[in-house]
């Protein structure tokens, strides 16, 4: 397998006269889908290895209302798992952190920003088997934040989180 450095990929893009160059054998294609989720921004997404999930965000291309719907994608099909405003789902939010917890087989959502602009520090887990959410109010743990990065840690079976912005816009590390 041939490996490429970030510098060589960027150089290829520049040398291509601004057009996006691709590694040999690699290609992007548009997948036509019959049932796309509504247009949104500032929404997180994650994969469980089979499906891709998209949660919440703000409606429209320029940021309308905060949402709390959950969509699942595989192949060329989107399926709405929870509608926007569904009872039992996390409050509507954008800019949240998400990851898939493989040890628990759950989608994990942390924080973000609610419809009123309040920065959140709650944790929610979605169970794909029962299609239900469980919320965990913040008692002790990471401070409220938005734009945080999260990933599953196979060594501990837990979730790792880094950074983000607090309510004052301070970068967290």
N, C-alpha and C. Protein backbone atom coordinates (compact mmCIF):
# COMPACT_ATOMS: atom_id res chain seq x y z
N UNK A 1 0.84 -1.17 0.00
CA UNK A 1 0.00 0.00 0.00
C UNK A 1 0.89 1.23 0.00
N UNK A 2 0.61 2.17 -0.90
CA UNK A 2 1.38 3.39 -1.00
C UNK A 2 0.87 4.40 0.02
N UNK A 3 1.79 5.08 0.72
CA UNK A 3 1.42 6.07 1.72
C UNK A 3 1.77 7.46 1.21
N UNK A 4 0.97 8.44 1.59
CA UNK A 4 1.18 9.81 1.18
C UNK A 4 1.25 10.70 2.41
N UNK A 5 2.16 11.65 2.41
CA UNK A 5 2.24 12.61 3.51
C UNK A 5 1.26 13.75 3.23
N UNK A 6 0.90 14.46 4.29
CA UNK A 6 0.02 15.62 4.13
C UNK A 6 0.68 16.62 3.19
N UNK A 7 1.99 16.82 3.33
CA UNK A 7 2.70 17.79 2.48
C UNK A 7 2.61 17.39 1.01
N UNK A 8 2.77 16.10 0.68
CA UNK A 8 2.72 15.69 -0.72
C UNK A 8 1.30 15.81 -1.28
N UNK A 9 0.28 15.57 -0.44
CA UNK A 9 -1.10 15.73 -0.90
C UNK A 9 -1.41 17.19 -1.17
N UNK A 10 -0.98 18.07 -0.24
CA UNK A 10 -1.21 19.51 -0.44
C UNK A 10 -0.46 20.01 -1.65
N UNK A 11 0.78 19.53 -1.86
CA UNK A 11 1.55 19.95 -3.03
C UNK A 11 0.85 19.51 -4.30
N UNK A 12 0.28 18.31 -4.30
CA UNK A 12 -0.45 17.84 -5.47
C UNK A 12 -1.64 18.72 -5.78
N UNK A 13 -2.34 19.17 -4.73
CA UNK A 13 -3.50 20.05 -4.93
C UNK A 13 -3.05 21.38 -5.52
N UNK A 14 -1.95 21.92 -5.01
CA UNK A 14 -1.45 23.20 -5.51
C UNK A 14 -0.97 23.05 -6.95
N UNK A 15 -0.22 21.98 -7.24
CA UNK A 15 0.30 21.76 -8.58
C UNK A 15 -0.80 21.50 -9.59
N UNK A 16 -1.94 21.04 -9.12
CA UNK A 16 -3.05 20.77 -10.02
C UNK A 16 -3.81 22.04 -10.37
N UNK A 17 -3.24 23.18 -10.01
CA UNK A 17 -3.85 24.46 -10.37
C UNK A 17 -5.11 24.76 -9.58
N UNK A 18 -5.15 24.30 -8.31
CA UNK A 18 -6.30 24.59 -7.47
C UNK A 18 -7.35 23.49 -7.53
N UNK A 19 -7.29 22.64 -8.53
CA UNK A 19 -8.24 21.52 -8.59
C UNK A 19 -7.83 20.49 -7.56
N UNK A 20 -8.78 19.73 -7.07
CA UNK A 20 -8.45 18.72 -6.08
C UNK A 20 -7.88 17.50 -6.75
N UNK A 21 -6.65 17.18 -6.39
CA UNK A 21 -6.00 15.98 -6.92
C UNK A 21 -6.36 14.81 -6.02
N UNK A 22 -6.30 13.61 -6.56
CA UNK A 22 -6.61 12.42 -5.78
C UNK A 22 -5.45 11.45 -5.84
N UNK A 23 -5.31 10.67 -4.80
CA UNK A 23 -4.31 9.61 -4.78
C UNK A 23 -4.66 8.60 -5.86
N UNK A 24 -3.66 7.98 -6.47
CA UNK A 24 -3.95 6.97 -7.50
C UNK A 24 -4.90 5.89 -6.97
N UNK A 25 -5.93 5.62 -7.71
CA UNK A 25 -6.89 4.58 -7.34
C UNK A 25 -8.00 5.05 -6.41
N UNK A 26 -7.85 6.24 -5.84
CA UNK A 26 -8.88 6.77 -4.93
C UNK A 26 -9.86 7.62 -5.72
N UNK A 27 -11.11 7.60 -5.30
CA UNK A 27 -12.09 8.46 -5.94
C UNK A 27 -13.28 8.69 -5.02
N UNK A 28 -13.87 9.86 -5.15
CA UNK A 28 -15.08 10.21 -4.44
C UNK A 28 -16.23 10.14 -5.43
N UNK A 29 -17.35 9.67 -4.95
CA UNK A 29 -18.54 9.66 -5.79
C UNK A 29 -19.71 10.21 -4.98
N UNK A 30 -20.65 10.78 -5.67
CA UNK A 30 -21.88 11.22 -5.04
C UNK A 30 -22.84 10.05 -5.02
N UNK A 31 -23.40 9.79 -3.85
CA UNK A 31 -24.35 8.69 -3.71
C UNK A 31 -25.76 9.27 -3.73
N UNK A 32 -26.52 8.99 -4.78
CA UNK A 32 -27.89 9.51 -4.80
C UNK A 32 -28.71 8.83 -3.71
N UNK A 33 -29.46 9.63 -2.98
CA UNK A 33 -30.27 9.09 -1.90
C UNK A 33 -31.72 9.56 -2.07
N UNK A 34 -32.67 8.66 -1.91
CA UNK A 34 -34.07 9.03 -2.10
C UNK A 34 -34.69 9.78 -0.91
N UNK A 35 -34.05 9.72 0.26
CA UNK A 35 -34.68 10.30 1.45
C UNK A 35 -33.65 11.02 2.32
N UNK A 36 -33.10 12.13 1.81
CA UNK A 36 -32.10 12.88 2.56
C UNK A 36 -32.70 13.54 3.79
N UNK A 37 -31.89 13.67 4.87
CA UNK A 37 -32.34 14.47 6.01
C UNK A 37 -32.48 15.92 5.58
N UNK A 38 -33.26 16.72 6.31
CA UNK A 38 -33.35 18.14 5.98
C UNK A 38 -31.97 18.79 6.07
N UNK A 39 -31.75 19.81 5.25
CA UNK A 39 -30.50 20.55 5.25
C UNK A 39 -30.20 21.07 6.65
N UNK A 40 -28.92 21.01 7.05
CA UNK A 40 -28.53 21.43 8.39
C UNK A 40 -27.06 21.82 8.44
N UNK A 41 -26.68 22.52 9.51
CA UNK A 41 -25.28 22.85 9.76
C UNK A 41 -24.96 22.59 11.22
N UNK A 42 -23.68 22.58 11.55
CA UNK A 42 -23.18 22.42 12.92
C UNK A 42 -23.74 21.19 13.62
N UNK A 43 -23.84 20.11 12.84
CA UNK A 43 -24.32 18.85 13.39
C UNK A 43 -23.18 17.84 13.42
N UNK A 44 -23.11 17.03 14.46
CA UNK A 44 -22.07 16.01 14.51
C UNK A 44 -22.55 14.72 13.84
N UNK A 45 -21.58 13.93 13.42
CA UNK A 45 -21.87 12.62 12.84
C UNK A 45 -20.83 11.62 13.30
N UNK A 46 -21.18 10.34 13.25
CA UNK A 46 -20.28 9.28 13.71
C UNK A 46 -20.71 7.97 13.04
N UNK A 47 -19.80 7.01 13.00
CA UNK A 47 -20.11 5.70 12.44
C UNK A 47 -19.94 4.62 13.51
N UNK A 48 -20.77 3.60 13.40
CA UNK A 48 -20.61 2.43 14.27
C UNK A 48 -19.92 1.29 13.55
N UNK A 49 -19.39 1.57 12.37
CA UNK A 49 -18.73 0.55 11.56
C UNK A 49 -19.64 -0.01 10.49
N UNK A 50 -20.94 0.13 10.66
CA UNK A 50 -21.91 -0.31 9.67
C UNK A 50 -22.72 0.88 9.15
N UNK A 51 -23.22 1.69 10.06
CA UNK A 51 -24.04 2.84 9.72
C UNK A 51 -23.31 4.13 10.05
N UNK A 52 -23.73 5.22 9.39
CA UNK A 52 -23.31 6.55 9.80
C UNK A 52 -24.54 7.21 10.42
N UNK A 53 -24.33 7.92 11.53
CA UNK A 53 -25.40 8.60 12.23
C UNK A 53 -25.15 10.11 12.22
N UNK A 54 -26.22 10.88 12.07
CA UNK A 54 -26.16 12.34 12.14
C UNK A 54 -27.21 12.77 13.16
N UNK A 55 -26.76 13.60 14.11
CA UNK A 55 -27.65 14.03 15.20
C UNK A 55 -27.73 15.55 15.25
N UNK A 56 -28.96 16.07 15.36
CA UNK A 56 -29.21 17.47 15.64
C UNK A 56 -28.61 18.44 14.64
N UNK A 57 -28.12 19.57 15.15
CA UNK A 57 -27.60 20.64 14.33
C UNK A 57 -28.64 21.75 14.21
N UNK A 58 -28.37 22.67 13.32
CA UNK A 58 -29.32 23.77 13.05
C UNK A 58 -29.88 23.60 11.66
N UNK A 59 -31.16 23.87 11.51
CA UNK A 59 -31.83 23.71 10.23
C UNK A 59 -31.33 24.76 9.23
N UNK A 60 -31.33 24.37 7.96
CA UNK A 60 -30.97 25.30 6.89
C UNK A 60 -29.47 25.44 6.69
N UNK A 61 -29.11 26.20 5.66
CA UNK A 61 -27.71 26.39 5.30
C UNK A 61 -27.06 27.51 6.09
N UNK A 62 -27.86 28.42 6.66
CA UNK A 62 -27.27 29.54 7.38
C UNK A 62 -27.58 29.50 8.87
N UNK A 63 -28.17 28.43 9.33
CA UNK A 63 -28.40 28.26 10.76
C UNK A 63 -29.73 28.77 11.24
N UNK A 64 -30.71 27.91 11.21
CA UNK A 64 -32.05 28.25 11.70
C UNK A 64 -32.24 27.71 13.10
N UNK A 65 -33.27 26.93 13.29
CA UNK A 65 -33.62 26.38 14.61
C UNK A 65 -32.75 25.17 14.95
N UNK A 66 -32.41 25.06 16.24
CA UNK A 66 -31.69 23.88 16.72
C UNK A 66 -32.62 22.67 16.63
N UNK A 67 -32.04 21.50 16.32
CA UNK A 67 -32.84 20.28 16.14
C UNK A 67 -32.32 19.17 17.05
N UNK A 68 -33.11 18.12 17.20
CA UNK A 68 -32.68 16.94 17.96
C UNK A 68 -33.07 15.64 17.27
N UNK A 69 -33.18 15.68 15.93
CA UNK A 69 -33.51 14.45 15.21
C UNK A 69 -32.24 13.60 15.03
N UNK A 70 -32.44 12.31 14.79
CA UNK A 70 -31.34 11.37 14.59
C UNK A 70 -31.59 10.60 13.30
N UNK A 71 -30.59 10.60 12.42
CA UNK A 71 -30.68 9.92 11.13
C UNK A 71 -29.59 8.88 11.02
N UNK A 72 -29.90 7.78 10.32
CA UNK A 72 -28.94 6.69 10.08
C UNK A 72 -28.79 6.50 8.58
N UNK A 73 -27.56 6.32 8.11
CA UNK A 73 -27.28 6.15 6.69
C UNK A 73 -26.49 4.87 6.44
N UNK A 74 -26.90 4.14 5.40
CA UNK A 74 -26.13 3.00 4.92
C UNK A 74 -26.39 2.87 3.43
N UNK A 75 -25.32 2.66 2.66
CA UNK A 75 -25.46 2.49 1.21
C UNK A 75 -25.95 3.75 0.54
N UNK A 76 -27.23 3.78 0.22
CA UNK A 76 -27.83 4.97 -0.37
C UNK A 76 -29.14 5.33 0.34
N UNK A 77 -29.29 4.84 1.57
CA UNK A 77 -30.56 5.03 2.28
C UNK A 77 -30.38 5.73 3.62
N UNK A 78 -31.11 6.83 3.80
CA UNK A 78 -31.21 7.51 5.08
C UNK A 78 -32.49 7.04 5.76
N UNK A 79 -32.41 6.77 7.07
CA UNK A 79 -33.58 6.41 7.86
C UNK A 79 -33.64 7.33 9.06
N UNK A 80 -34.79 7.96 9.27
CA UNK A 80 -34.96 8.82 10.44
C UNK A 80 -35.26 7.93 11.64
N UNK A 81 -34.35 7.91 12.60
CA UNK A 81 -34.51 7.07 13.79
C UNK A 81 -35.35 7.76 14.85
N UNK A 82 -35.16 9.07 15.02
CA UNK A 82 -35.97 9.90 15.93
C UNK A 82 -36.31 11.18 15.22
N UNK A 83 -37.57 11.57 15.24
CA UNK A 83 -37.98 12.81 14.59
C UNK A 83 -37.56 14.02 15.44
N UNK A 84 -37.47 15.15 14.80
CA UNK A 84 -37.17 16.38 15.53
C UNK A 84 -38.29 16.64 16.52
N UNK A 85 -37.92 16.89 17.77
CA UNK A 85 -38.91 17.14 18.82
C UNK A 85 -39.45 15.89 19.48
N UNK A 86 -38.89 14.72 19.15
CA UNK A 86 -39.39 13.46 19.72
C UNK A 86 -39.27 13.45 21.24
N UNK A 87 -40.32 12.95 21.89
CA UNK A 87 -40.31 12.82 23.35
C UNK A 87 -39.22 11.84 23.75
N UNK A 88 -38.52 12.16 24.82
CA UNK A 88 -37.47 11.29 25.34
C UNK A 88 -36.11 11.51 24.72
N UNK A 89 -36.04 12.30 23.65
CA UNK A 89 -34.76 12.60 23.00
C UNK A 89 -34.07 13.74 23.74
N UNK A 90 -32.76 13.91 23.54
CA UNK A 90 -32.08 15.06 24.15
C UNK A 90 -32.71 16.36 23.68
N UNK A 91 -32.58 17.41 24.49
CA UNK A 91 -33.05 18.71 24.01
C UNK A 91 -32.34 19.09 22.71
N UNK A 92 -33.01 19.85 21.86
CA UNK A 92 -32.43 20.27 20.59
C UNK A 92 -31.10 20.97 20.84
N UNK A 93 -30.13 20.73 19.94
CA UNK A 93 -28.80 21.32 20.10
C UNK A 93 -28.02 21.25 18.81
N UNK A 94 -27.02 22.07 18.74
CA UNK A 94 -26.03 22.01 17.68
C UNK A 94 -24.66 22.05 18.33
N UNK A 95 -23.62 21.81 17.55
CA UNK A 95 -22.22 21.90 18.03
C UNK A 95 -21.88 20.89 19.12
N UNK A 96 -22.65 19.80 19.24
CA UNK A 96 -22.40 18.78 20.27
C UNK A 96 -21.24 17.88 19.85
N UNK A 97 -20.70 17.15 20.81
CA UNK A 97 -19.71 16.11 20.52
C UNK A 97 -20.42 14.77 20.48
N UNK A 98 -20.04 13.90 19.54
CA UNK A 98 -20.62 12.55 19.49
C UNK A 98 -19.53 11.52 19.21
N UNK A 99 -19.78 10.32 19.67
CA UNK A 99 -18.95 9.18 19.32
C UNK A 99 -19.79 7.93 19.46
N UNK A 100 -19.27 6.84 18.94
CA UNK A 100 -19.93 5.55 19.11
C UNK A 100 -19.17 4.78 20.16
N UNK A 101 -19.84 4.35 21.22
CA UNK A 101 -19.24 3.53 22.26
C UNK A 101 -19.42 2.07 21.86
N UNK A 102 -18.36 1.47 21.33
CA UNK A 102 -18.44 0.10 20.84
C UNK A 102 -18.65 -0.89 21.98
N UNK A 103 -18.09 -0.64 23.15
CA UNK A 103 -18.25 -1.57 24.27
C UNK A 103 -19.70 -1.59 24.77
N UNK A 104 -20.41 -0.49 24.64
CA UNK A 104 -21.79 -0.41 25.11
C UNK A 104 -22.80 -0.47 23.96
N UNK A 105 -22.30 -0.43 22.72
CA UNK A 105 -23.16 -0.38 21.53
C UNK A 105 -24.17 0.77 21.65
N UNK A 106 -23.62 1.98 21.88
CA UNK A 106 -24.45 3.17 22.07
C UNK A 106 -23.83 4.37 21.36
N UNK A 107 -24.68 5.24 20.87
CA UNK A 107 -24.27 6.56 20.40
C UNK A 107 -24.21 7.45 21.63
N UNK A 108 -23.09 8.13 21.83
CA UNK A 108 -22.92 9.00 22.99
C UNK A 108 -22.84 10.45 22.53
N UNK A 109 -23.64 11.32 23.13
CA UNK A 109 -23.68 12.75 22.82
C UNK A 109 -23.29 13.52 24.07
N UNK A 110 -22.39 14.49 23.92
CA UNK A 110 -22.03 15.35 25.05
C UNK A 110 -22.17 16.81 24.66
N UNK A 111 -22.80 17.58 25.55
CA UNK A 111 -22.82 19.03 25.45
C UNK A 111 -23.39 19.59 24.17
N UNK A 112 -22.74 20.66 23.70
CA UNK A 112 -23.22 21.41 22.56
C UNK A 112 -23.86 22.69 23.03
N UNK A 113 -24.71 23.23 22.20
CA UNK A 113 -25.38 24.50 22.50
C UNK A 113 -26.87 24.34 22.23
N UNK A 114 -27.72 24.72 23.20
CA UNK A 114 -29.16 24.55 23.01
C UNK A 114 -29.77 25.67 22.18
N UNK A 115 -31.05 25.60 21.96
CA UNK A 115 -31.75 26.56 21.10
C UNK A 115 -31.66 27.99 21.61
N UNK A 116 -31.47 28.17 22.93
CA UNK A 116 -31.37 29.51 23.52
C UNK A 116 -29.92 30.02 23.54
N UNK A 117 -28.98 29.20 23.06
CA UNK A 117 -27.57 29.60 23.05
C UNK A 117 -26.80 29.20 24.28
N UNK A 118 -27.45 28.46 25.21
CA UNK A 118 -26.77 28.01 26.42
C UNK A 118 -25.85 26.83 26.10
N UNK A 119 -24.62 26.88 26.60
CA UNK A 119 -23.66 25.81 26.39
C UNK A 119 -23.95 24.71 27.42
N UNK A 120 -23.98 23.46 26.96
CA UNK A 120 -24.46 22.33 27.76
C UNK A 120 -23.32 21.43 28.25
N UNK A 121 -23.60 20.68 29.33
CA UNK A 121 -22.63 19.71 29.85
C UNK A 121 -23.30 18.38 30.18
N UNK A 122 -24.40 18.07 29.51
CA UNK A 122 -25.11 16.82 29.76
C UNK A 122 -24.62 15.72 28.81
N UNK A 123 -24.89 14.49 29.20
CA UNK A 123 -24.53 13.31 28.40
C UNK A 123 -25.81 12.55 28.08
N UNK A 124 -25.91 12.11 26.81
CA UNK A 124 -27.05 11.30 26.38
C UNK A 124 -26.51 10.09 25.63
N UNK A 125 -27.16 8.94 25.81
CA UNK A 125 -26.82 7.74 25.07
C UNK A 125 -28.06 7.23 24.34
N UNK A 126 -27.85 6.83 23.09
CA UNK A 126 -28.94 6.28 22.29
C UNK A 126 -28.67 4.80 22.06
N UNK A 127 -29.67 3.97 22.35
CA UNK A 127 -29.59 2.52 22.18
C UNK A 127 -30.25 2.14 20.86
N UNK A 128 -29.47 1.60 19.89
CA UNK A 128 -30.06 1.26 18.60
C UNK A 128 -31.01 0.07 18.66
N UNK A 129 -30.90 -0.77 19.66
CA UNK A 129 -31.77 -1.94 19.77
C UNK A 129 -33.18 -1.51 20.18
N UNK A 130 -33.29 -0.65 21.19
CA UNK A 130 -34.60 -0.21 21.66
C UNK A 130 -35.02 1.14 21.06
N UNK A 131 -34.09 1.80 20.34
CA UNK A 131 -34.32 3.13 19.77
C UNK A 131 -34.79 4.11 20.85
N UNK A 132 -34.08 4.09 21.99
CA UNK A 132 -34.41 4.99 23.09
C UNK A 132 -33.17 5.74 23.56
N UNK A 133 -33.41 6.90 24.14
CA UNK A 133 -32.37 7.75 24.70
C UNK A 133 -32.38 7.65 26.22
N UNK A 134 -31.20 7.73 26.83
CA UNK A 134 -31.05 7.85 28.27
C UNK A 134 -30.18 9.06 28.54
N UNK A 135 -30.68 9.97 29.39
CA UNK A 135 -29.94 11.18 29.71
C UNK A 135 -29.28 11.09 31.07
N UNK A 136 -28.09 11.68 31.17
CA UNK A 136 -27.34 11.72 32.41
C UNK A 136 -27.01 13.18 32.71
N UNK A 137 -27.71 13.79 33.68
CA UNK A 137 -27.41 15.19 33.99
C UNK A 137 -25.99 15.31 34.53
N UNK A 138 -25.38 16.44 34.26
CA UNK A 138 -24.01 16.66 34.71
C UNK A 138 -23.98 16.78 36.22
N UNK A 139 -23.21 15.93 36.86
CA UNK A 139 -23.01 16.00 38.31
C UNK A 139 -21.56 16.40 38.55
N UNK A 140 -20.67 15.64 37.97
CA UNK A 140 -19.25 15.98 37.98
C UNK A 140 -18.68 15.45 36.67
N UNK A 141 -17.77 16.16 36.11
CA UNK A 141 -17.19 15.74 34.85
C UNK A 141 -16.74 16.94 34.05
N UNK A 142 -16.64 16.78 32.76
CA UNK A 142 -16.16 17.90 31.93
C UNK A 142 -17.10 19.10 32.02
N UNK A 143 -16.51 20.26 31.90
CA UNK A 143 -17.30 21.49 31.92
C UNK A 143 -18.12 21.60 30.65
N UNK A 144 -19.13 22.46 30.69
CA UNK A 144 -19.97 22.69 29.52
C UNK A 144 -19.12 23.18 28.36
N UNK A 145 -19.41 22.65 27.17
CA UNK A 145 -18.63 23.03 25.99
C UNK A 145 -19.36 22.69 24.71
N UNK A 146 -18.92 23.31 23.65
CA UNK A 146 -19.41 23.03 22.30
C UNK A 146 -18.19 22.83 21.41
N UNK A 147 -18.39 22.23 20.26
CA UNK A 147 -17.31 21.93 19.31
C UNK A 147 -16.22 21.04 19.89
N UNK A 148 -16.57 20.13 20.79
CA UNK A 148 -15.57 19.23 21.37
C UNK A 148 -15.34 18.04 20.45
N UNK A 149 -14.16 17.45 20.54
CA UNK A 149 -13.85 16.23 19.78
C UNK A 149 -13.98 15.03 20.71
N UNK A 150 -14.64 13.98 20.22
CA UNK A 150 -14.83 12.77 21.02
C UNK A 150 -14.49 11.55 20.18
N UNK A 151 -14.00 10.51 20.86
CA UNK A 151 -13.74 9.24 20.19
C UNK A 151 -13.84 8.11 21.20
N UNK A 152 -14.06 6.92 20.69
CA UNK A 152 -14.08 5.72 21.52
C UNK A 152 -12.65 5.28 21.79
N UNK A 153 -12.37 4.85 23.01
CA UNK A 153 -11.05 4.34 23.39
C UNK A 153 -11.13 2.83 23.61
N UNK A 154 -10.63 2.03 22.65
CA UNK A 154 -10.75 0.57 22.79
C UNK A 154 -9.94 0.00 23.95
N UNK A 155 -8.93 0.71 24.40
CA UNK A 155 -8.12 0.21 25.51
C UNK A 155 -8.91 0.21 26.82
N UNK A 156 -9.62 1.29 27.08
CA UNK A 156 -10.38 1.39 28.33
C UNK A 156 -11.85 0.99 28.15
N UNK A 157 -12.33 0.99 26.90
CA UNK A 157 -13.75 0.73 26.66
C UNK A 157 -14.59 1.96 26.95
N UNK A 158 -13.93 3.10 27.12
CA UNK A 158 -14.63 4.34 27.42
C UNK A 158 -14.55 5.33 26.28
N UNK A 159 -14.89 6.55 26.59
CA UNK A 159 -14.91 7.63 25.61
C UNK A 159 -13.87 8.67 26.01
N UNK A 160 -13.14 9.17 25.01
CA UNK A 160 -12.19 10.26 25.23
C UNK A 160 -12.76 11.53 24.63
N UNK A 161 -12.53 12.64 25.32
CA UNK A 161 -13.00 13.93 24.82
C UNK A 161 -11.87 14.93 24.96
N UNK A 162 -11.77 15.84 23.98
CA UNK A 162 -10.73 16.88 24.04
C UNK A 162 -11.26 18.20 23.52
N UNK A 163 -10.86 19.27 24.18
CA UNK A 163 -11.07 20.62 23.69
C UNK A 163 -12.50 21.07 23.64
N UNK A 164 -12.71 22.03 22.75
CA UNK A 164 -14.00 22.66 22.59
C UNK A 164 -13.92 24.12 23.00
N UNK A 165 -15.07 24.78 23.01
CA UNK A 165 -15.19 26.17 23.44
C UNK A 165 -16.16 26.24 24.60
N UNK A 166 -15.81 27.02 25.63
CA UNK A 166 -16.75 27.19 26.74
C UNK A 166 -17.75 28.31 26.40
N UNK A 167 -18.60 28.65 27.35
CA UNK A 167 -19.65 29.64 27.10
C UNK A 167 -19.10 31.02 26.74
N UNK A 168 -17.89 31.33 27.22
CA UNK A 168 -17.28 32.62 26.91
C UNK A 168 -16.48 32.59 25.61
N UNK A 169 -16.43 31.43 24.95
CA UNK A 169 -15.66 31.31 23.71
C UNK A 169 -14.20 31.01 23.93
N UNK A 170 -13.84 30.63 25.18
CA UNK A 170 -12.46 30.28 25.50
C UNK A 170 -12.18 28.87 25.01
N UNK A 171 -11.05 28.69 24.32
CA UNK A 171 -10.64 27.37 23.84
C UNK A 171 -10.20 26.51 25.02
N UNK A 172 -10.74 25.32 25.12
CA UNK A 172 -10.42 24.39 26.20
C UNK A 172 -9.40 23.37 25.71
N UNK A 173 -8.50 22.99 26.60
CA UNK A 173 -7.52 21.97 26.23
C UNK A 173 -7.31 20.96 27.31
